[in-house]
Amino acid sequence: MNPIKVLLVDDHKIVRQGVRAFLQTLADIQVIAEAGSGADALAAVEQHAPDVVLMDLGLPGDLDGIAATRQIRKLRPAAQVIVVTSHHQDEFIFPAVRAGAISYLLKDVEPDALADAIRKAAQGEAVLDSRVASRIVKEMQGLRQAAVNPFTELSERELEVLRLLAAGKSNAEIAAALVISANTVKTHISSLLGKLHLDDRTQAAVYAWKEGIVRRDG
């Protein structure tokens, strides 16, 4: 059998080196490329056609791990994405799964468990960290509120970001208006998307207008 071709995506080189060093000891898994940003990940997918992508969520630039996952799944549907992150909050889990990630693991995963998840992903099988699985089960069981009140669920800063997003502002423009960094804007957007159970900023903008968070003059 041909080895499973893996692309490593993480903005920390030392993390990529550690994962690569372990995976290189396995005969059935081959690391074919690395990427430190979402844009580099898309380029690597086009060039190398991986079977499995190990995806960090906190990537620099406008294309974070969730957006990169969505784009990779469109670009190469055969490539399975495994999220490997330190975040296990709802605002990261559900957008990542909706973006097309087949598995969601935390960075304290045991090396052998990571290798097993890669093998299963290559076969179209999902693996979830137990903490993530419990959140998804509760969601499926409807234990969360069916309707979210954005004015109580979102922080004041998240509401500010949502209003500016709905006005068509870019991350850079939102950052300048609120005097915060572009990375902080990305964090707020990921958080509000998770809380509102939305997939992307376009849905968020439509939601903001529909729910009266922003209004047209006159």
C-alpha atoms as a PDB file:
ATOM      1  CA  MET A   1       0.000   0.000   0.000  1.00  0.00           C
ATOM      2  CA  ASN A   2       1.072   3.545  -0.664  1.00  0.00           C
ATOM      3  CA  PRO A   3       1.710   5.591   2.497  1.00  0.00           C
ATOM      4  CA  ILE A   4      -0.875   8.129   3.623  1.00  0.00           C
ATOM      5  CA  LYS A   5       0.242  11.560   2.419  1.00  0.00           C
ATOM      6  CA  VAL A   6       0.002  14.146   5.209  1.00  0.00           C
ATOM      7  CA  LEU A   7       0.234  17.947   5.161  1.00  0.00           C
ATOM      8  CA  LEU A   8       1.164  19.642   8.469  1.00  0.00           C
ATOM      9  CA  VAL A   9      -0.362  23.088   9.044  1.00  0.00           C
ATOM     10  CA  ASP A  10       0.726  25.009  12.153  1.00  0.00           C
ATOM     11  CA  ASP A  11       2.189  28.484  12.578  1.00  0.00           C
ATOM     12  CA  HIS A  12       4.762  27.183  15.075  1.00  0.00           C
ATOM     13  CA  LYS A  13       7.694  25.538  13.305  1.00  0.00           C
ATOM     14  CA  ILE A  14       8.757  23.669  16.428  1.00  0.00           C
ATOM     15  CA  VAL A  15       5.334  22.000  16.594  1.00  0.00           C
ATOM     16  CA  ARG A  16       5.580  20.951  12.961  1.00  0.00           C
ATOM     17  CA  GLN A  17       9.079  19.595  13.529  1.00  0.00           C
ATOM     18  CA  GLY A  18       7.938  17.532  16.498  1.00  0.00           C
ATOM     19  CA  VAL A  19       4.962  16.035  14.681  1.00  0.00           C
ATOM     20  CA  ARG A  20       7.056  15.381  11.569  1.00  0.00           C
ATOM     21  CA  ALA A  21       9.785  13.651  13.599  1.00  0.00           C
ATOM     22  CA  PHE A  22       7.236  11.238  15.061  1.00  0.00           C
ATOM     23  CA  LEU A  23       5.342  10.564  11.832  1.00  0.00           C
ATOM     24  CA  GLN A  24       8.578   9.885   9.965  1.00  0.00           C
ATOM     25  CA  THR A  25       9.058   6.819  12.173  1.00  0.00           C
ATOM     26  CA  LEU A  26       5.890   5.268  10.704  1.00  0.00           C
ATOM     27  CA  ALA A  27       6.102   3.281   7.481  1.00  0.00           C
ATOM     28  CA  ASP A  28       2.495   3.873   6.438  1.00  0.00           C
ATOM     29  CA  ILE A  29       2.425   7.690   6.878  1.00  0.00           C
ATOM     30  CA  GLN A  30       4.435  10.196   4.860  1.00  0.00           C
ATOM     31  CA  VAL A  31       4.673  13.937   5.607  1.00  0.00           C
ATOM     32  CA  ILE A  32       4.776  15.493   2.149  1.00  0.00           C
ATOM     33  CA  ALA A  33       4.687  19.206   3.058  1.00  0.00           C
ATOM     34  CA  GLU A  34       4.322  21.793   5.827  1.00  0.00           C
ATOM     35  CA  ALA A  35       2.579  25.157   5.963  1.00  0.00           C
ATOM     36  CA  GLY A  36       2.611  27.970   8.507  1.00  0.00           C
ATOM     37  CA  SER A  37      -0.465  29.860   7.303  1.00  0.00           C
ATOM     38  CA  GLY A  38      -3.838  29.241   5.697  1.00  0.00           C
ATOM     39  CA  ALA A  39      -2.697  30.639   2.358  1.00  0.00           C
ATOM     40  CA  ASP A  40       0.396  28.423   2.357  1.00  0.00           C
ATOM     41  CA  ALA A  41      -1.802  25.442   3.236  1.00  0.00           C
ATOM     42  CA  LEU A  42      -4.016  26.004   0.183  1.00  0.00           C
ATOM     43  CA  ALA A  43      -0.953  26.282  -2.053  1.00  0.00           C
ATOM     44  CA  ALA A  44       0.463  23.060  -0.572  1.00  0.00           C
ATOM     45  CA  VAL A  45      -2.832  21.226  -1.131  1.00  0.00           C
ATOM     46  CA  GLU A  46      -2.823  22.255  -4.789  1.00  0.00           C
ATOM     47  CA  GLN A  47       0.793  21.257  -5.258  1.00  0.00           C
ATOM     48  CA  HIS A  48       0.990  18.034  -3.235  1.00  0.00           C
ATOM     49  CA  ALA A  49      -2.591  16.668  -3.103  1.00  0.00           C
ATOM     50  CA  PRO A  50      -2.436  15.289   0.465  1.00  0.00           C
ATOM     51  CA  ASP A  51      -4.720  12.567   1.745  1.00  0.00           C
ATOM     52  CA  VAL A  52      -4.909  14.069   5.250  1.00  0.00           C
ATOM     53  CA  VAL A  53      -4.276  17.588   6.543  1.00  0.00           C
ATOM     54  CA  LEU A  54      -3.399  18.209  10.193  1.00  0.00           C
ATOM     55  CA  MET A  55      -4.817  21.687  10.811  1.00  0.00           C
ATOM     56  CA  ASP A  56      -4.128  24.139  13.612  1.00  0.00           C
ATOM     57  CA  LEU A  57      -6.856  26.758  14.087  1.00  0.00           C
ATOM     58  CA  GLY A  58      -4.827  29.775  15.230  1.00  0.00           C
ATOM     59  CA  LEU A  59      -3.158  30.689  11.943  1.00  0.00           C
ATOM     60  CA  PRO A  60      -1.855  34.170  11.040  1.00  0.00           C
ATOM     61  CA  GLY A  61      -3.397  36.316   8.309  1.00  0.00           C
ATOM     62  CA  ASP A  62      -7.006  36.534   7.147  1.00  0.00           C
ATOM     63  CA  LEU A  63      -7.326  32.799   6.503  1.00  0.00           C
ATOM     64  CA  ASP A  64      -7.548  31.091   9.893  1.00  0.00           C
ATOM     65  CA  GLY A  65      -7.734  27.338  10.375  1.00  0.00           C
ATOM     66  CA  ILE A  66     -11.516  27.173  10.049  1.00  0.00           C
ATOM     67  CA  ALA A  67     -11.576  29.195   6.817  1.00  0.00           C
ATOM     68  CA  ALA A  68      -8.623  27.208   5.493  1.00  0.00           C
ATOM     69  CA  THR A  69     -10.435  23.953   6.254  1.00  0.00           C
ATOM     70  CA  ARG A  70     -13.479  25.139   4.332  1.00  0.00           C
ATOM     71  CA  GLN A  71     -11.365  26.132   1.338  1.00  0.00           C
ATOM     72  CA  ILE A  72      -9.372  22.890   1.359  1.00  0.00           C
ATOM     73  CA  ARG A  73     -12.547  20.826   1.353  1.00  0.00           C
ATOM     74  CA  LYS A  74     -13.754  22.757  -1.688  1.00  0.00           C
ATOM     75  CA  LEU A  75     -10.389  22.604  -3.436  1.00  0.00           C
ATOM     76  CA  ARG A  76      -9.749  18.912  -2.775  1.00  0.00           C
ATOM     77  CA  PRO A  77     -12.783  17.056  -1.391  1.00  0.00           C
ATOM     78  CA  ALA A  78     -10.727  13.843  -1.154  1.00  0.00           C
ATOM     79  CA  ALA A  79      -8.437  15.446   1.448  1.00  0.00           C
ATOM     80  CA  GLN A  80      -9.605  14.864   5.009  1.00  0.00           C
ATOM     81  CA  VAL A  81      -8.872  17.562   7.587  1.00  0.00           C
ATOM     82  CA  ILE A  82      -8.017  16.724  11.190  1.00  0.00           C
ATOM     83  CA  VAL A  83      -8.091  19.722  13.500  1.00  0.00           C
ATOM     84  CA  VAL A  84      -5.300  19.593  16.082  1.00  0.00           C
ATOM     85  CA  THR A  85      -5.663  22.519  18.464  1.00  0.00           C
ATOM     86  CA  SER A  86      -5.595  23.635  22.075  1.00  0.00           C
ATOM     87  CA  HIS A  87      -9.149  25.025  21.848  1.00  0.00           C
ATOM     88  CA  HIS A  88     -12.096  22.936  23.010  1.00  0.00           C
ATOM     89  CA  GLN A  89     -14.734  25.664  23.332  1.00  0.00           C
ATOM     90  CA  ASP A  90     -17.972  25.597  21.329  1.00  0.00           C
ATOM     91  CA  GLU A  91     -16.984  28.663  19.310  1.00  0.00           C
ATOM     92  CA  PHE A  92     -14.135  26.648  17.782  1.00  0.00           C
ATOM     93  CA  ILE A  93     -15.570  23.128  17.686  1.00  0.00           C
ATOM     94  CA  PHE A  94     -18.794  23.705  15.787  1.00  0.00           C
ATOM     95  CA  PRO A  95     -17.457  26.075  13.093  1.00  0.00           C
ATOM     96  CA  ALA A  96     -14.576  23.655  12.449  1.00  0.00           C
ATOM     97  CA  VAL A  97     -16.898  20.682  12.083  1.00  0.00           C
ATOM     98  CA  ARG A  98     -19.261  22.664   9.851  1.00  0.00           C
ATOM     99  CA  ALA A  99     -16.276  23.728   7.757  1.00  0.00           C
ATOM    100  CA  GLY A 100     -15.646  20.081   6.961  1.00  0.00           C
ATOM    101  CA  ALA A 101     -13.124  18.762   9.497  1.00  0.00           C
ATOM    102  CA  ILE A 102     -13.559  15.010   9.898  1.00  0.00           C
ATOM    103  CA  SER A 103     -11.802  14.829  13.274  1.00  0.00           C
ATOM    104  CA  TYR A 104     -11.087  17.207  16.136  1.00  0.00           C
ATOM    105  CA  LEU A 105      -8.183  16.514  18.480  1.00  0.00           C
ATOM    106  CA  LEU A 106      -6.494  18.525  21.195  1.00  0.00           C
ATOM    107  CA  LYS A 107      -2.768  19.127  21.259  1.00  0.00           C
ATOM    108  CA  ASP A 108      -2.266  16.909  24.290  1.00  0.00           C
ATOM    109  CA  VAL A 109      -3.187  13.902  22.118  1.00  0.00           C
ATOM    110  CA  GLU A 110      -0.875  10.915  22.467  1.00  0.00           C
ATOM    111  CA  PRO A 111       1.346  10.335  19.413  1.00  0.00           C
ATOM    112  CA  ASP A 112      -0.049   6.865  18.758  1.00  0.00           C
ATOM    113  CA  ALA A 113      -3.591   8.228  18.977  1.00  0.00           C
ATOM    114  CA  LEU A 114      -2.711  10.913  16.433  1.00  0.00           C
ATOM    115  CA  ALA A 115      -1.328   8.301  14.058  1.00  0.00           C
ATOM    116  CA  ASP A 116      -4.473   6.209  14.507  1.00  0.00           C
ATOM    117  CA  ALA A 117      -6.645   9.269  13.746  1.00  0.00           C
ATOM    118  CA  ILE A 118      -4.672   9.864  10.534  1.00  0.00           C
ATOM    119  CA  ARG A 119      -5.192   6.262   9.443  1.00  0.00           C
ATOM    120  CA  LYS A 120      -8.902   6.449  10.216  1.00  0.00           C
ATOM    121  CA  ALA A 121      -9.291   9.811   8.443  1.00  0.00           C
ATOM    122  CA  ALA A 122      -7.729   8.313   5.328  1.00  0.00           C
ATOM    123  CA  GLN A 123     -10.538   5.711   5.480  1.00  0.00           C
ATOM    124  CA  GLY A 124     -13.213   8.360   6.027  1.00  0.00           C
ATOM    125  CA  GLU A 125     -13.613   7.636   9.746  1.00  0.00           C
ATOM    126  CA  ALA A 126     -13.889  10.372  12.374  1.00  0.00           C
ATOM    127  CA  VAL A 127     -12.096  10.647  15.706  1.00  0.00           C
ATOM    128  CA  LEU A 128     -13.057  13.156  18.381  1.00  0.00           C
ATOM    129  CA  ASP A 129     -11.345  14.061  21.631  1.00  0.00           C
ATOM    130  CA  SER A 130     -13.642  12.962  24.469  1.00  0.00           C
ATOM    131  CA  ARG A 131     -14.118  16.563  25.631  1.00  0.00           C
ATOM    132  CA  VAL A 132     -15.149  17.577  22.121  1.00  0.00           C
ATOM    133  CA  ALA A 133     -17.392  14.559  21.635  1.00  0.00           C
ATOM    134  CA  SER A 134     -19.327  15.399  24.801  1.00  0.00           C
ATOM    135  CA  ARG A 135     -20.031  18.906  23.525  1.00  0.00           C
ATOM    136  CA  ILE A 136     -21.243  17.585  20.178  1.00  0.00           C
ATOM    137  CA  VAL A 137     -23.466  14.987  21.848  1.00  0.00           C
ATOM    138  CA  LYS A 138     -25.062  17.657  24.039  1.00  0.00           C
ATOM    139  CA  GLU A 139     -25.606  19.816  20.979  1.00  0.00           C
ATOM    140  CA  MET A 140     -27.241  16.935  19.110  1.00  0.00           C
ATOM    141  CA  GLN A 141     -29.444  16.218  22.102  1.00  0.00           C
ATOM    142  CA  GLY A 142     -30.655  19.787  22.054  1.00  0.00           C
ATOM    143  CA  LEU A 143     -29.392  20.618  25.535  1.00  0.00           C
ATOM    144  CA  ARG A 144     -28.331  24.091  24.395  1.00  0.00           C
ATOM    145  CA  GLN A 145     -30.892  26.837  23.918  1.00  0.00           C
ATOM    146  CA  ALA A 146     -32.699  26.488  20.612  1.00  0.00           C
ATOM    147  CA  ALA A 147     -32.701  30.233  20.099  1.00  0.00           C
ATOM    148  CA  VAL A 148     -29.740  32.415  20.955  1.00  0.00           C
ATOM    149  CA  ASN A 149     -30.246  35.981  22.116  1.00  0.00           C
ATOM    150  CA  PRO A 150     -27.263  37.831  20.626  1.00  0.00           C
ATOM    151  CA  PHE A 151     -27.630  40.741  23.037  1.00  0.00           C
ATOM    152  CA  THR A 152     -27.075  38.478  26.035  1.00  0.00           C
ATOM    153  CA  GLU A 153     -24.893  35.771  24.454  1.00  0.00           C
ATOM    154  CA  LEU A 154     -22.345  38.099  22.837  1.00  0.00           C
ATOM    155  CA  SER A 155     -20.006  40.420  24.676  1.00  0.00           C
ATOM    156  CA  GLU A 156     -20.152  44.156  23.982  1.00  0.00           C
ATOM    157  CA  ARG A 157     -16.947  43.911  21.960  1.00  0.00           C
ATOM    158  CA  GLU A 158     -18.304  40.992  19.923  1.00  0.00           C
ATOM    159  CA  LEU A 159     -21.422  43.022  19.162  1.00  0.00           C
ATOM    160  CA  GLU A 160     -19.234  45.920  18.026  1.00  0.00           C
ATOM    161  CA  VAL A 161     -17.272  43.598  15.760  1.00  0.00           C
ATOM    162  CA  LEU A 162     -20.491  42.099  14.373  1.00  0.00           C
ATOM    163  CA  ARG A 163     -21.929  45.537  13.580  1.00  0.00           C
ATOM    164  CA  LEU A 164     -18.791  46.561  11.719  1.00  0.00           C
ATOM    165  CA  LEU A 165     -18.625  43.211   9.938  1.00  0.00           C
ATOM    166  CA  ALA A 166     -22.240  43.651   8.829  1.00  0.00           C
ATOM    167  CA  ALA A 167     -21.337  47.101   7.517  1.00  0.00           C
ATOM    168  CA  GLY A 168     -18.899  45.427   5.155  1.00  0.00           C
ATOM    169  CA  LYS A 169     -15.697  46.282   6.983  1.00  0.00           C
ATOM    170  CA  SER A 170     -12.611  44.103   6.540  1.00  0.00           C
ATOM    171  CA  ASN A 171     -10.701  42.697   9.507  1.00  0.00           C
ATOM    172  CA  ALA A 172      -8.112  45.444   9.111  1.00  0.00           C
ATOM    173  CA  GLU A 173     -10.798  48.145   9.062  1.00  0.00           C
ATOM    174  CA  ILE A 174     -12.514  46.662  12.123  1.00  0.00           C
ATOM    175  CA  ALA A 175      -9.175  46.538  13.933  1.00  0.00           C
ATOM    176  CA  ALA A 176      -8.490  50.192  13.123  1.00  0.00           C
ATOM    177  CA  ALA A 177     -11.971  51.291  14.186  1.00  0.00           C
ATOM    178  CA  LEU A 178     -11.784  49.489  17.535  1.00  0.00           C
ATOM    179  CA  VAL A 179      -8.053  50.085  18.090  1.00  0.00           C
ATOM    180  CA  ILE A 180      -7.298  46.383  18.450  1.00  0.00           C
ATOM    181  CA  SER A 181      -5.115  43.976  16.488  1.00  0.00           C
ATOM    182  CA  ALA A 182      -6.292  42.086  13.414  1.00  0.00           C
ATOM    183  CA  ASN A 183      -5.651  38.810  15.247  1.00  0.00           C
ATOM    184  CA  THR A 184      -7.947  39.943  18.060  1.00  0.00           C
ATOM    185  CA  VAL A 185     -10.615  40.712  15.466  1.00  0.00           C
ATOM    186  CA  LYS A 186     -10.242  37.175  14.082  1.00  0.00           C
ATOM    187  CA  THR A 187     -10.643  35.753  17.580  1.00  0.00           C
ATOM    188  CA  HIS A 188     -13.810  37.777  18.178  1.00  0.00           C
ATOM    189  CA  ILE A 189     -15.265  36.693  14.827  1.00  0.00           C
ATOM    190  CA  SER A 190     -14.548  33.015  15.515  1.00  0.00           C
ATOM    191  CA  SER A 191     -16.124  33.392  18.947  1.00  0.00           C
ATOM    192  CA  LEU A 192     -19.317  35.091  17.754  1.00  0.00           C
ATOM    193  CA  LEU A 193     -19.739  32.626  14.882  1.00  0.00           C
ATOM    194  CA  GLY A 194     -19.565  29.764  17.357  1.00  0.00           C
ATOM    195  CA  LYS A 195     -21.975  31.359  19.798  1.00  0.00           C
ATOM    196  CA  LEU A 196     -24.485  32.146  17.048  1.00  0.00           C
ATOM    197  CA  HIS A 197     -24.009  28.758  15.305  1.00  0.00           C
ATOM    198  CA  LEU A 198     -23.060  30.424  12.017  1.00  0.00           C
ATOM    199  CA  ASP A 199     -20.568  29.193   9.441  1.00  0.00           C
ATOM    200  CA  ASP A 200     -18.937  32.337   8.082  1.00  0.00           C
ATOM    201  CA  ARG A 201     -18.892  36.152   8.089  1.00  0.00           C
ATOM    202  CA  THR A 202     -21.445  36.356   5.267  1.00  0.00           C
ATOM    203  CA  GLN A 203     -23.995  34.488   7.369  1.00  0.00           C
ATOM    204  CA  ALA A 204     -23.057  36.704  10.317  1.00  0.00           C
ATOM    205  CA  ALA A 205     -23.731  39.869   8.310  1.00  0.00           C
ATOM    206  CA  VAL A 206     -27.118  38.592   7.160  1.00  0.00           C
ATOM    207  CA  TYR A 207     -27.934  37.560  10.737  1.00  0.00           C
ATOM    208  CA  ALA A 208     -27.011  41.004  12.074  1.00  0.00           C
ATOM    209  CA  TRP A 209     -29.385  42.752   9.690  1.00  0.00           C
ATOM    210  CA  LYS A 210     -32.167  40.198  10.233  1.00  0.00           C
ATOM    211  CA  GLU A 211     -31.962  40.406  14.035  1.00  0.00           C
ATOM    212  CA  GLY A 212     -31.845  44.207  14.127  1.00  0.00           C
ATOM    213  CA  ILE A 213     -28.283  44.359  15.472  1.00  0.00           C
ATOM    214  CA  VAL A 214     -27.659  46.900  12.728  1.00  0.00           C
ATOM    215  CA  ARG A 215     -30.274  48.992  10.934  1.00  0.00           C
ATOM    216  CA  ARG A 216     -30.335  50.955   7.739  1.00  0.00           C
ATOM    217  CA  ASP A 217     -30.715  54.694   8.167  1.00  0.00           C
ATOM    218  CA  GLY A 218     -34.195  55.914   7.418  1.00  0.00           C
END
